[in-house]
Amino acid sequence: MDLLKSLFTWIFYILFLTILFPFKIIVFLLVVLPTGKKQIIHSWLMFEGLALIRLSPLWTIKIEGRENYDHGQTYVMVSNHQSMLDIPVIHCLNFSFLWVSKIENFKVPILGLSMKMAGYIAIERGNKESVVKMMQESEDALKSGHSLFLFPEGTRSKDKNIKRFKTGSFRLALNTGLPVLPVLIDGTGQVLPKKGIVFSSGHNLRVKVLKPIKPEDFGTDDPDILAEKIQVLLTRELDSLRQETAQNRLEL
């Protein structure tokens, strides 16, 4: 049954993206190019992600902590990373930001061009020149008022637990003096694990936006220490979230 539901979900999403893509191109040419408002394309991509998550029969989603996001504030947003499903799940938050994403995603038909039109920032992992370029583009974007969203683990976790955070996200926060907004995701790794293509049904996706950590609360100017501090915070929150989920199941 999961195989049939997965097939439906993939076909729906691919057709959905393909059918809407020509209209997205028209909007980009007639509205975005003359005005420079690439956020319009980001909003479109968020709508597509919301449609995938909300319309699929495979899962439910619970979002907490929206009130911790201030629409007038620029953030360095970070999250744990369990599955490629994390991206449409994050889009359900309807927050304004630019993704920092691996360059391979920009090569995916339709999706990659949409990401370029939205002004997202690419990084080629293992390429030092690309990392330097990404950091400069990211810092420029933050200083111009665009929040960024990054997965500091660098790749999806195979065992669904949070791995060591890389320092780039936190170096950006320190360099720009902007708050870090931690976001916690759970359940996506059970639905679609790394390298998997068949969705597993019956899971509840959880998203929790934590309180922003302001520069005056960093307690350090060392990106390694800040990365470890926020990794520990998210790990503790993930353990708490899972204990809550387990308790709820026992009570049913």
C-alpha atoms as a PDB file:
ATOM      1  CA  MET A   1       0.000   0.000   0.000  1.00  0.00           C
ATOM      2  CA  ASP A   2       2.863   2.390   0.826  1.00  0.00           C
ATOM      3  CA  LEU A   3       4.282   1.767  -2.632  1.00  0.00           C
ATOM      4  CA  LEU A   4       1.018   2.806  -4.304  1.00  0.00           C
ATOM      5  CA  LYS A   5       0.676   5.870  -2.082  1.00  0.00           C
ATOM      6  CA  SER A   6       4.292   6.801  -2.818  1.00  0.00           C
ATOM      7  CA  LEU A   7       3.712   6.439  -6.540  1.00  0.00           C
ATOM      8  CA  PHE A   8       0.677   8.716  -6.283  1.00  0.00           C
ATOM      9  CA  THR A   9       2.643  11.285  -4.277  1.00  0.00           C
ATOM     10  CA  TRP A  10       5.607  11.364  -6.691  1.00  0.00           C
ATOM     11  CA  ILE A  11       3.355  11.556  -9.781  1.00  0.00           C
ATOM     12  CA  PHE A  12       1.218  14.281  -8.217  1.00  0.00           C
ATOM     13  CA  TYR A  13       4.203  16.377  -7.189  1.00  0.00           C
ATOM     14  CA  ILE A  14       6.062  16.032 -10.504  1.00  0.00           C
ATOM     15  CA  LEU A  15       2.931  16.858 -12.504  1.00  0.00           C
ATOM     16  CA  PHE A  16       2.128  19.716 -10.137  1.00  0.00           C
ATOM     17  CA  LEU A  17       5.584  21.245 -10.599  1.00  0.00           C
ATOM     18  CA  THR A  18       5.575  20.674 -14.362  1.00  0.00           C
ATOM     19  CA  ILE A  19       2.133  22.152 -14.990  1.00  0.00           C
ATOM     20  CA  LEU A  20       2.824  25.269 -12.914  1.00  0.00           C
ATOM     21  CA  PHE A  21       6.352  25.834 -14.232  1.00  0.00           C
ATOM     22  CA  PRO A  22       5.396  27.808 -17.395  1.00  0.00           C
ATOM     23  CA  PHE A  23       3.352  30.210 -15.264  1.00  0.00           C
ATOM     24  CA  LYS A  24       6.317  30.584 -12.924  1.00  0.00           C
ATOM     25  CA  ILE A  25       8.503  31.536 -15.891  1.00  0.00           C
ATOM     26  CA  ILE A  26       5.954  34.143 -16.989  1.00  0.00           C
ATOM     27  CA  VAL A  27       5.824  35.652 -13.495  1.00  0.00           C
ATOM     28  CA  PHE A  28       9.621  35.721 -13.361  1.00  0.00           C
ATOM     29  CA  LEU A  29       9.936  37.483 -16.726  1.00  0.00           C
ATOM     30  CA  LEU A  30       7.082  39.965 -16.255  1.00  0.00           C
ATOM     31  CA  VAL A  31       7.319  40.691 -12.523  1.00  0.00           C
ATOM     32  CA  VAL A  32      10.546  39.479 -10.922  1.00  0.00           C
ATOM     33  CA  LEU A  33      13.037  40.676 -13.541  1.00  0.00           C
ATOM     34  CA  PRO A  34      11.659  44.251 -13.744  1.00  0.00           C
ATOM     35  CA  THR A  35      11.310  44.615  -9.957  1.00  0.00           C
ATOM     36  CA  GLY A  36      14.064  42.358  -8.618  1.00  0.00           C
ATOM     37  CA  LYS A  37      11.592  40.847  -6.139  1.00  0.00           C
ATOM     38  CA  LYS A  38      12.847  37.259  -6.199  1.00  0.00           C
ATOM     39  CA  GLN A  39      10.947  36.615  -2.975  1.00  0.00           C
ATOM     40  CA  ILE A  40       7.890  36.125  -5.203  1.00  0.00           C
ATOM     41  CA  ILE A  41       9.435  32.904  -6.545  1.00  0.00           C
ATOM     42  CA  HIS A  42      10.353  31.817  -3.021  1.00  0.00           C
ATOM     43  CA  SER A  43       6.710  32.288  -2.005  1.00  0.00           C
ATOM     44  CA  TRP A  44       5.677  30.178  -4.989  1.00  0.00           C
ATOM     45  CA  LEU A  45       8.083  27.409  -3.963  1.00  0.00           C
ATOM     46  CA  MET A  46       6.694  27.510  -0.435  1.00  0.00           C
ATOM     47  CA  PHE A  47       3.190  27.057  -1.852  1.00  0.00           C
ATOM     48  CA  GLU A  48       4.385  24.009  -3.818  1.00  0.00           C
ATOM     49  CA  GLY A  49       5.970  22.497  -0.719  1.00  0.00           C
ATOM     50  CA  LEU A  50       2.842  23.181   1.321  1.00  0.00           C
ATOM     51  CA  ALA A  51       0.717  21.452  -1.312  1.00  0.00           C
ATOM     52  CA  LEU A  52       2.902  18.326  -1.228  1.00  0.00           C
ATOM     53  CA  ILE A  53       2.848  18.061   2.554  1.00  0.00           C
ATOM     54  CA  ARG A  54      -0.787  18.973   3.164  1.00  0.00           C
ATOM     55  CA  LEU A  55      -2.375  16.989   0.323  1.00  0.00           C
ATOM     56  CA  SER A  56      -0.480  13.721   0.688  1.00  0.00           C
ATOM     57  CA  PRO A  57      -2.336  10.893   2.492  1.00  0.00           C
ATOM     58  CA  LEU A  58       0.936   9.499   3.843  1.00  0.00           C
ATOM     59  CA  TRP A  59       1.471  11.658   6.913  1.00  0.00           C
ATOM     60  CA  THR A  60       0.240  14.381   9.226  1.00  0.00           C
ATOM     61  CA  ILE A  61       2.227  17.428  10.314  1.00  0.00           C
ATOM     62  CA  LYS A  62       2.335  19.406  13.533  1.00  0.00           C
ATOM     63  CA  ILE A  63       4.061  22.798  13.674  1.00  0.00           C
ATOM     64  CA  GLU A  64       4.939  24.579  16.912  1.00  0.00           C
ATOM     65  CA  GLY A  65       6.668  27.835  17.761  1.00  0.00           C
ATOM     66  CA  ARG A  66       5.662  30.034  14.826  1.00  0.00           C
ATOM     67  CA  GLU A  67       5.386  32.896  17.313  1.00  0.00           C
ATOM     68  CA  ASN A  68       9.166  32.791  17.797  1.00  0.00           C
ATOM     69  CA  TYR A  69       9.653  34.129  14.266  1.00  0.00           C
ATOM     70  CA  ASP A  70       9.591  37.893  13.765  1.00  0.00           C
ATOM     71  CA  HIS A  71       8.772  38.813  10.159  1.00  0.00           C
ATOM     72  CA  GLY A  72      10.700  42.064  10.523  1.00  0.00           C
ATOM     73  CA  GLN A  73      13.927  40.412  11.724  1.00  0.00           C
ATOM     74  CA  THR A  74      16.765  38.953   9.647  1.00  0.00           C
ATOM     75  CA  TYR A  75      17.958  35.547  10.872  1.00  0.00           C
ATOM     76  CA  VAL A  76      20.496  32.852  10.259  1.00  0.00           C
ATOM     77  CA  MET A  77      18.090  29.889  10.362  1.00  0.00           C
ATOM     78  CA  VAL A  78      19.460  26.419  11.070  1.00  0.00           C
ATOM     79  CA  SER A  79      17.884  22.988  11.352  1.00  0.00           C
ATOM     80  CA  ASN A  80      18.733  19.334  11.696  1.00  0.00           C
ATOM     81  CA  HIS A  81      18.453  17.331   8.479  1.00  0.00           C
ATOM     82  CA  GLN A  82      16.857  13.868   8.214  1.00  0.00           C
ATOM     83  CA  SER A  83      15.397  13.637   4.717  1.00  0.00           C
ATOM     84  CA  MET A  84      14.915  15.486   1.443  1.00  0.00           C
ATOM     85  CA  LEU A  85      11.339  15.825   2.688  1.00  0.00           C
ATOM     86  CA  ASP A  86      12.696  18.415   5.148  1.00  0.00           C
ATOM     87  CA  ILE A  87      12.652  21.102   2.451  1.00  0.00           C
ATOM     88  CA  PRO A  88       8.897  21.070   1.688  1.00  0.00           C
ATOM     89  CA  VAL A  89       8.271  20.649   5.426  1.00  0.00           C
ATOM     90  CA  ILE A  90      10.236  23.838   6.134  1.00  0.00           C
ATOM     91  CA  HIS A  91       8.273  25.588   3.377  1.00  0.00           C
ATOM     92  CA  CYS A  92       5.114  24.924   5.390  1.00  0.00           C
ATOM     93  CA  LEU A  93       6.374  27.514   7.884  1.00  0.00           C
ATOM     94  CA  ASN A  94       5.831  30.254   5.292  1.00  0.00           C
ATOM     95  CA  PHE A  95       8.906  32.174   6.471  1.00  0.00           C
ATOM     96  CA  SER A  96      10.877  34.552   4.278  1.00  0.00           C
ATOM     97  CA  PHE A  97      14.437  33.392   3.562  1.00  0.00           C
ATOM     98  CA  LEU A  98      16.953  32.211   0.972  1.00  0.00           C
ATOM     99  CA  TRP A  99      18.145  28.617   0.957  1.00  0.00           C
ATOM    100  CA  VAL A 100      21.839  27.785   0.951  1.00  0.00           C
ATOM    101  CA  SER A 101      21.884  24.481  -0.922  1.00  0.00           C
ATOM    102  CA  LYS A 102      24.300  22.022  -2.473  1.00  0.00           C
ATOM    103  CA  ILE A 103      24.968  22.686  -6.143  1.00  0.00           C
ATOM    104  CA  GLU A 104      23.520  19.305  -7.168  1.00  0.00           C
ATOM    105  CA  ASN A 105      20.015  20.576  -6.350  1.00  0.00           C
ATOM    106  CA  PHE A 106      20.449  23.414  -8.850  1.00  0.00           C
ATOM    107  CA  LYS A 107      20.973  20.812 -11.598  1.00  0.00           C
ATOM    108  CA  VAL A 108      17.597  19.098 -11.055  1.00  0.00           C
ATOM    109  CA  PRO A 109      15.229  19.900 -13.963  1.00  0.00           C
ATOM    110  CA  ILE A 110      12.567  22.510 -13.143  1.00  0.00           C
ATOM    111  CA  LEU A 111      13.493  22.584  -9.439  1.00  0.00           C
ATOM    112  CA  GLY A 112      17.016  23.837 -10.119  1.00  0.00           C
ATOM    113  CA  LEU A 113      15.888  26.670 -12.369  1.00  0.00           C
ATOM    114  CA  SER A 114      13.214  27.622  -9.845  1.00  0.00           C
ATOM    115  CA  MET A 115      15.899  27.834  -7.155  1.00  0.00           C
ATOM    116  CA  LYS A 116      18.036  30.087  -9.357  1.00  0.00           C
ATOM    117  CA  MET A 117      15.040  32.338 -10.061  1.00  0.00           C
ATOM    118  CA  ALA A 118      14.427  32.595  -6.308  1.00  0.00           C
ATOM    119  CA  GLY A 119      18.007  33.769  -5.756  1.00  0.00           C
ATOM    120  CA  TYR A 120      19.062  30.810  -3.609  1.00  0.00           C
ATOM    121  CA  ILE A 121      22.772  30.372  -2.905  1.00  0.00           C
ATOM    122  CA  ALA A 122      24.709  27.338  -4.144  1.00  0.00           C
ATOM    123  CA  ILE A 123      27.661  25.553  -2.586  1.00  0.00           C
ATOM    124  CA  GLU A 124      29.808  22.785  -4.050  1.00  0.00           C
ATOM    125  CA  ARG A 125      30.884  20.661  -1.130  1.00  0.00           C
ATOM    126  CA  GLY A 126      34.608  19.983  -0.995  1.00  0.00           C
ATOM    127  CA  ASN A 127      35.407  22.930  -3.279  1.00  0.00           C
ATOM    128  CA  LYS A 128      37.187  25.623  -1.242  1.00  0.00           C
ATOM    129  CA  GLU A 129      36.584  28.347  -3.850  1.00  0.00           C
ATOM    130  CA  SER A 130      32.869  27.538  -3.847  1.00  0.00           C
ATOM    131  CA  VAL A 131      32.761  27.694  -0.051  1.00  0.00           C
ATOM    132  CA  VAL A 132      34.448  31.119  -0.039  1.00  0.00           C
ATOM    133  CA  LYS A 133      32.014  32.358  -2.711  1.00  0.00           C
ATOM    134  CA  MET A 134      29.029  30.977  -0.796  1.00  0.00           C
ATOM    135  CA  MET A 135      30.140  32.655   2.428  1.00  0.00           C
ATOM    136  CA  GLN A 136      30.541  36.015   0.692  1.00  0.00           C
ATOM    137  CA  GLU A 137      27.179  35.775  -1.093  1.00  0.00           C
ATOM    138  CA  SER A 138      25.525  34.678   2.149  1.00  0.00           C
ATOM    139  CA  GLU A 139      27.019  37.519   4.152  1.00  0.00           C
ATOM    140  CA  ASP A 140      25.958  40.028   1.480  1.00  0.00           C
ATOM    141  CA  ALA A 141      22.421  38.613   1.497  1.00  0.00           C
ATOM    142  CA  LEU A 142      22.173  38.848   5.287  1.00  0.00           C
ATOM    143  CA  LYS A 143      23.457  42.415   5.328  1.00  0.00           C
ATOM    144  CA  SER A 144      20.842  43.347   2.721  1.00  0.00           C
ATOM    145  CA  GLY A 145      18.060  42.014   4.946  1.00  0.00           C
ATOM    146  CA  HIS A 146      17.541  38.476   3.588  1.00  0.00           C
ATOM    147  CA  SER A 147      17.376  35.676   6.136  1.00  0.00           C
ATOM    148  CA  LEU A 148      19.176  32.452   5.222  1.00  0.00           C
ATOM    149  CA  PHE A 149      18.258  28.831   5.915  1.00  0.00           C
ATOM    150  CA  LEU A 150      21.023  26.250   6.246  1.00  0.00           C
ATOM    151  CA  PHE A 151      21.460  22.629   7.325  1.00  0.00           C
ATOM    152  CA  PRO A 152      24.690  22.813   9.366  1.00  0.00           C
ATOM    153  CA  GLU A 153      25.083  19.018   9.426  1.00  0.00           C
ATOM    154  CA  GLY A 154      25.892  19.371   5.729  1.00  0.00           C
ATOM    155  CA  THR A 155      24.003  16.229   4.723  1.00  0.00           C
ATOM    156  CA  ARG A 156      21.078  14.078   5.808  1.00  0.00           C
ATOM    157  CA  SER A 157      21.506  11.974   8.942  1.00  0.00           C
ATOM    158  CA  LYS A 158      21.319   8.220   8.289  1.00  0.00           C
ATOM    159  CA  ASP A 159      20.188   7.312  11.806  1.00  0.00           C
ATOM    160  CA  LYS A 160      17.872  10.340  12.266  1.00  0.00           C
ATOM    161  CA  ASN A 161      19.980  11.676  15.136  1.00  0.00           C
ATOM    162  CA  ILE A 162      21.730  15.035  14.982  1.00  0.00           C
ATOM    163  CA  LYS A 163      25.326  14.930  13.787  1.00  0.00           C
ATOM    164  CA  ARG A 164      28.164  17.380  14.350  1.00  0.00           C
ATOM    165  CA  PHE A 165      27.383  20.872  13.058  1.00  0.00           C
ATOM    166  CA  LYS A 166      29.735  22.556  10.618  1.00  0.00           C
ATOM    167  CA  THR A 167      30.703  26.116  11.500  1.00  0.00           C
ATOM    168  CA  GLY A 168      29.746  28.108   8.378  1.00  0.00           C
ATOM    169  CA  SER A 169      26.246  29.080   9.556  1.00  0.00           C
ATOM    170  CA  PHE A 170      27.546  30.288  12.892  1.00  0.00           C
ATOM    171  CA  ARG A 171      30.462  32.163  11.391  1.00  0.00           C
ATOM    172  CA  LEU A 172      27.880  34.094   9.348  1.00  0.00           C
ATOM    173  CA  ALA A 173      25.894  34.915  12.484  1.00  0.00           C
ATOM    174  CA  LEU A 174      29.024  36.123  14.274  1.00  0.00           C
ATOM    175  CA  ASN A 175      30.253  38.158  11.290  1.00  0.00           C
ATOM    176  CA  THR A 176      26.912  39.924  10.771  1.00  0.00           C
ATOM    177  CA  GLY A 177      25.767  40.203  14.391  1.00  0.00           C
ATOM    178  CA  LEU A 178      22.432  38.553  13.585  1.00  0.00           C
ATOM    179  CA  PRO A 179      20.405  36.130  15.709  1.00  0.00           C
ATOM    180  CA  VAL A 180      20.289  32.404  15.033  1.00  0.00           C
ATOM    181  CA  LEU A 181      16.818  30.881  14.707  1.00  0.00           C
ATOM    182  CA  PRO A 182      16.970  27.120  15.433  1.00  0.00           C
ATOM    183  CA  VAL A 183      14.310  24.895  13.868  1.00  0.00           C
ATOM    184  CA  LEU A 184      13.800  21.267  14.857  1.00  0.00           C
ATOM    185  CA  ILE A 185      12.438  18.601  12.495  1.00  0.00           C
ATOM    186  CA  ASP A 186      11.482  15.026  13.336  1.00  0.00           C
ATOM    187  CA  GLY A 187       9.612  12.239  11.578  1.00  0.00           C
ATOM    188  CA  THR A 188      10.827  12.951   8.046  1.00  0.00           C
ATOM    189  CA  GLY A 189      13.612  10.384   8.402  1.00  0.00           C
ATOM    190  CA  GLN A 190      11.032   7.683   9.153  1.00  0.00           C
ATOM    191  CA  VAL A 191       8.884   8.720   6.194  1.00  0.00           C
ATOM    192  CA  LEU A 192      11.698   8.980   3.650  1.00  0.00           C
ATOM    193  CA  PRO A 193      15.174   7.948   4.838  1.00  0.00           C
ATOM    194  CA  LYS A 194      18.377   8.966   3.114  1.00  0.00           C
ATOM    195  CA  LYS A 195      18.634   7.386  -0.373  1.00  0.00           C
ATOM    196  CA  GLY A 196      15.063   6.100  -0.077  1.00  0.00           C
ATOM    197  CA  ILE A 197      12.325   6.726  -2.665  1.00  0.00           C
ATOM    198  CA  VAL A 198       9.352   4.905  -1.126  1.00  0.00           C
ATOM    199  CA  PHE A 199       7.448   6.888   1.494  1.00  0.00           C
ATOM    200  CA  SER A 200       6.452   5.151   4.715  1.00  0.00           C
ATOM    201  CA  SER A 201       2.948   6.054   5.864  1.00  0.00           C
ATOM    202  CA  GLY A 202       1.413   6.569   9.266  1.00  0.00           C
ATOM    203  CA  HIS A 203       3.959   9.008  10.674  1.00  0.00           C
ATOM    204  CA  ASN A 204       3.461  12.402  12.262  1.00  0.00           C
ATOM    205  CA  LEU A 205       5.910  15.025  11.052  1.00  0.00           C
ATOM    206  CA  ARG A 206       6.968  17.478  13.752  1.00  0.00           C
ATOM    207  CA  VAL A 207       8.420  20.949  13.291  1.00  0.00           C
ATOM    208  CA  LYS A 208       9.330  23.148  16.229  1.00  0.00           C
ATOM    209  CA  VAL A 209      10.651  26.686  15.883  1.00  0.00           C
ATOM    210  CA  LEU A 210      12.738  27.466  18.950  1.00  0.00           C
ATOM    211  CA  LYS A 211      13.314  30.899  20.422  1.00  0.00           C
ATOM    212  CA  PRO A 212      15.945  32.902  18.538  1.00  0.00           C
ATOM    213  CA  ILE A 213      19.393  33.120  20.067  1.00  0.00           C
ATOM    214  CA  LYS A 214      20.467  36.752  20.034  1.00  0.00           C
ATOM    215  CA  PRO A 215      24.095  37.812  19.511  1.00  0.00           C
ATOM    216  CA  GLU A 216      24.352  39.003  23.111  1.00  0.00           C
ATOM    217  CA  ASP A 217      23.429  35.470  24.209  1.00  0.00           C
ATOM    218  CA  PHE A 218      25.997  33.681  22.044  1.00  0.00           C
ATOM    219  CA  GLY A 219      28.494  33.754  24.911  1.00  0.00           C
ATOM    220  CA  THR A 220      31.383  33.327  22.488  1.00  0.00           C
ATOM    221  CA  ASP A 221      32.978  34.710  19.353  1.00  0.00           C
ATOM    222  CA  ASP A 222      34.242  31.254  18.350  1.00  0.00           C
ATOM    223  CA  PRO A 223      32.072  29.653  15.611  1.00  0.00           C
ATOM    224  CA  ASP A 224      33.092  26.147  16.714  1.00  0.00           C
ATOM    225  CA  ILE A 225      31.823  26.755  20.242  1.00  0.00           C
ATOM    226  CA  LEU A 226      28.622  28.399  18.978  1.00  0.00           C
ATOM    227  CA  ALA A 227      28.007  25.488  16.584  1.00  0.00           C
ATOM    228  CA  GLU A 228      28.420  22.984  19.425  1.00  0.00           C
ATOM    229  CA  LYS A 229      26.170  25.025  21.709  1.00  0.00           C
ATOM    230  CA  ILE A 230      23.281  25.071  19.221  1.00  0.00           C
ATOM    231  CA  GLN A 231      23.823  21.429  18.274  1.00  0.00           C
ATOM    232  CA  VAL A 232      23.470  20.489  21.956  1.00  0.00           C
ATOM    233  CA  LEU A 233      20.342  22.650  22.218  1.00  0.00           C
ATOM    234  CA  LEU A 234      18.660  20.991  19.229  1.00  0.00           C
ATOM    235  CA  THR A 235      19.716  17.517  20.381  1.00  0.00           C
ATOM    236  CA  ARG A 236      18.162  18.127  23.803  1.00  0.00           C
ATOM    237  CA  GLU A 237      14.958  19.435  22.202  1.00  0.00           C
ATOM    238  CA  LEU A 238      14.820  16.439  19.850  1.00  0.00           C
ATOM    239  CA  ASP A 239      15.098  14.026  22.789  1.00  0.00           C
ATOM    240  CA  SER A 240      12.321  15.887  24.572  1.00  0.00           C
ATOM    241  CA  LEU A 241      10.123  15.876  21.468  1.00  0.00           C
ATOM    242  CA  ARG A 242      10.573  12.134  21.018  1.00  0.00           C
ATOM    243  CA  GLN A 243       9.791  11.444  24.673  1.00  0.00           C
ATOM    244  CA  GLU A 244       6.604  13.478  24.294  1.00  0.00           C
ATOM    245  CA  THR A 245       5.662  11.521  21.159  1.00  0.00           C
ATOM    246  CA  ALA A 246       6.301   8.191  22.900  1.00  0.00           C
ATOM    247  CA  GLN A 247       4.212   9.265  25.905  1.00  0.00           C
ATOM    248  CA  ASN A 248       1.330  10.301  23.658  1.00  0.00           C
ATOM    249  CA  ARG A 249       1.370   6.897  21.983  1.00  0.00           C
ATOM    250  CA  LEU A 250       1.207   5.152  25.366  1.00  0.00           C
ATOM    251  CA  GLU A 251      -1.820   7.229  26.338  1.00  0.00           C
ATOM    252  CA  LEU A 252      -3.763   6.355  23.174  1.00  0.00           C
END
